[in-house]
C-alpha atoms as a PDB file:
ATOM      1  CA  MET A   1      52.966  -2.970 141.051  1.00  0.00           C
ATOM      2  CA  ALA A   2      52.820  -2.254 137.312  1.00  0.00           C
ATOM      3  CA  LEU A   3      56.451  -1.120 137.422  1.00  0.00           C
ATOM      4  CA  THR A   4      57.477  -4.408 139.047  1.00  0.00           C
ATOM      5  CA  LEU A   5      55.663  -6.421 136.378  1.00  0.00           C
ATOM      6  CA  LEU A   6      57.246  -4.327 133.629  1.00  0.00           C
ATOM      7  CA  ALA A   7      60.720  -4.819 135.108  1.00  0.00           C
ATOM      8  CA  ALA A   8      60.194  -8.580 135.395  1.00  0.00           C
ATOM      9  CA  ALA A   9      59.017  -8.792 131.792  1.00  0.00           C
ATOM     10  CA  GLY A  10      62.191  -7.008 130.691  1.00  0.00           C
ATOM     11  CA  CYS A  11      64.285  -9.801 132.213  1.00  0.00           C
ATOM     12  CA  ALA A  12      62.267 -12.606 130.636  1.00  0.00           C
ATOM     13  CA  SER A  13      63.811 -14.794 127.991  1.00  0.00           C
ATOM     14  CA  THR A  14      62.616 -15.363 124.463  1.00  0.00           C
ATOM     15  CA  GLU A  15      63.505 -18.025 121.929  1.00  0.00           C
ATOM     16  CA  LYS A  16      66.559 -16.081 120.730  1.00  0.00           C
ATOM     17  CA  HIS A  17      67.436 -14.032 123.817  1.00  0.00           C
ATOM     18  CA  GLU A  18      68.332 -15.151 127.309  1.00  0.00           C
ATOM     19  CA  GLY A  19      66.932 -13.715 130.494  1.00  0.00           C
ATOM     20  CA  THR A  20      69.346 -12.375 133.103  1.00  0.00           C
ATOM     21  CA  GLY A  21      69.342 -15.567 135.194  1.00  0.00           C
ATOM     22  CA  GLU A  22      69.884 -17.772 132.150  1.00  0.00           C
ATOM     23  CA  TYR A  23      72.808 -15.630 131.020  1.00  0.00           C
ATOM     24  CA  VAL A  24      74.484 -16.066 134.403  1.00  0.00           C
ATOM     25  CA  ASP A  25      73.810 -19.824 134.378  1.00  0.00           C
ATOM     26  CA  ASP A  26      75.221 -20.152 130.850  1.00  0.00           C
ATOM     27  CA  SER A  27      78.354 -18.194 131.717  1.00  0.00           C
ATOM     28  CA  VAL A  28      78.922 -20.471 134.737  1.00  0.00           C
ATOM     29  CA  ILE A  29      78.511 -23.557 132.528  1.00  0.00           C
ATOM     30  CA  THR A  30      80.935 -22.126 129.947  1.00  0.00           C
ATOM     31  CA  THR A  31      83.508 -21.367 132.652  1.00  0.00           C
ATOM     32  CA  LYS A  32      83.230 -24.860 134.159  1.00  0.00           C
ATOM     33  CA  VAL A  33      83.541 -26.526 130.741  1.00  0.00           C
ATOM     34  CA  LYS A  34      86.596 -24.448 129.805  1.00  0.00           C
ATOM     35  CA  ALA A  35      88.266 -25.267 133.137  1.00  0.00           C
ATOM     36  CA  LEU A  36      87.655 -28.995 132.738  1.00  0.00           C
ATOM     37  CA  LEU A  37      88.908 -28.973 129.144  1.00  0.00           C
ATOM     38  CA  PHE A  38      92.003 -27.055 130.261  1.00  0.00           C
ATOM     39  CA  ASP A  39      92.694 -29.671 132.959  1.00  0.00           C
ATOM     40  CA  GLU A  40      92.565 -32.509 130.413  1.00  0.00           C
ATOM     41  CA  PRO A  41      96.212 -33.128 129.442  1.00  0.00           C
ATOM     42  CA  ASN A  42      95.494 -34.642 126.001  1.00  0.00           C
ATOM     43  CA  LEU A  43      93.287 -31.806 124.808  1.00  0.00           C
ATOM     44  CA  ARG A  44      94.563 -28.512 123.507  1.00  0.00           C
ATOM     45  CA  SER A  45      91.849 -26.446 125.126  1.00  0.00           C
ATOM     46  CA  GLY A  46      93.143 -23.275 123.471  1.00  0.00           C
ATOM     47  CA  GLU A  47      91.948 -24.660 120.157  1.00  0.00           C
ATOM     48  CA  ILE A  48      88.463 -25.585 121.399  1.00  0.00           C
ATOM     49  CA  ASN A  49      85.857 -22.821 121.517  1.00  0.00           C
ATOM     50  CA  VAL A  50      82.994 -23.118 124.003  1.00  0.00           C
ATOM     51  CA  GLU A  51      79.699 -21.230 123.771  1.00  0.00           C
ATOM     52  CA  THR A  52      76.569 -21.834 125.827  1.00  0.00           C
ATOM     53  CA  PHE A  53      73.007 -20.708 125.134  1.00  0.00           C
ATOM     54  CA  LYS A  54      70.118 -21.848 127.325  1.00  0.00           C
ATOM     55  CA  GLY A  55      72.093 -24.860 128.563  1.00  0.00           C
ATOM     56  CA  VAL A  56      73.128 -26.003 125.093  1.00  0.00           C
ATOM     57  CA  VAL A  57      76.921 -26.080 124.808  1.00  0.00           C
ATOM     58  CA  GLN A  58      78.467 -25.702 121.371  1.00  0.00           C
ATOM     59  CA  LEU A  59      82.026 -26.913 120.864  1.00  0.00           C
ATOM     60  CA  SER A  60      84.019 -25.821 117.842  1.00  0.00           C
ATOM     61  CA  GLY A  61      87.644 -25.758 116.835  1.00  0.00           C
ATOM     62  CA  PHE A  62      90.269 -28.301 115.879  1.00  0.00           C
ATOM     63  CA  VAL A  63      91.547 -31.418 117.648  1.00  0.00           C
ATOM     64  CA  ASN A  64      94.000 -34.162 116.762  1.00  0.00           C
ATOM     65  CA  SER A  65      91.778 -37.255 116.882  1.00  0.00           C
ATOM     66  CA  LYS A  66      88.261 -38.627 117.106  1.00  0.00           C
ATOM     67  CA  ALA A  67      89.142 -39.762 120.639  1.00  0.00           C
ATOM     68  CA  ASP A  68      89.793 -36.109 121.555  1.00  0.00           C
ATOM     69  CA  ILE A  69      86.369 -35.152 120.204  1.00  0.00           C
ATOM     70  CA  ASN A  70      84.720 -37.927 122.207  1.00  0.00           C
ATOM     71  CA  LYS A  71      86.604 -36.938 125.383  1.00  0.00           C
ATOM     72  CA  ALA A  72      85.625 -33.269 125.037  1.00  0.00           C
ATOM     73  CA  VAL A  73      81.952 -34.162 124.548  1.00  0.00           C
ATOM     74  CA  GLU A  74      82.101 -36.531 127.533  1.00  0.00           C
ATOM     75  CA  ILE A  75      83.577 -33.761 129.694  1.00  0.00           C
ATOM     76  CA  VAL A  76      80.846 -31.306 128.661  1.00  0.00           C
ATOM     77  CA  ARG A  77      78.075 -33.792 129.404  1.00  0.00           C
ATOM     78  CA  SER A  78      79.439 -34.232 132.939  1.00  0.00           C
ATOM     79  CA  VAL A  79      78.825 -30.558 133.803  1.00  0.00           C
ATOM     80  CA  LYS A  80      75.681 -29.850 135.814  1.00  0.00           C
ATOM     81  CA  GLY A  81      73.194 -27.702 133.900  1.00  0.00           C
ATOM     82  CA  VAL A  82      74.191 -28.843 130.404  1.00  0.00           C
ATOM     83  CA  GLU A  83      71.050 -29.701 128.444  1.00  0.00           C
ATOM     84  CA  SER A  84      72.788 -30.900 125.280  1.00  0.00           C
ATOM     85  CA  VAL A  85      76.027 -30.639 123.306  1.00  0.00           C
ATOM     86  CA  LYS A  86      76.462 -29.417 119.733  1.00  0.00           C
ATOM     87  CA  ASN A  87      79.709 -30.772 118.381  1.00  0.00           C
ATOM     88  CA  ASP A  88      81.256 -28.682 115.586  1.00  0.00           C
ATOM     89  CA  MET A  89      84.851 -29.741 116.271  1.00  0.00           C
ATOM     90  CA  ARG A  90      86.992 -30.785 113.315  1.00  0.00           C
ATOM     91  CA  LEU A  91      90.033 -32.992 112.942  1.00  0.00           C
ATOM     92  CA  LYS A  92      93.285 -31.297 111.976  1.00  0.00           C
END
């Protein structure tokens, strides 16, 4: 029983580190966001970086217009599991 508790504690998350389940959830969110950005014809998804940590998606990179920034943020917010969006995208 002590071994089970020790193993479970090893998978727990902290403020700066994700647990195993959270890592999987975040990678799924990142994949979904990247796919949706790729499917958007007006966005150059290759120039938008996506990172997710504990449901918070951070977007960075360069886009052509403020409308592109707004569209990317709107797409991210539509993904299930996204807690919030940090927008670090810049205009070219």
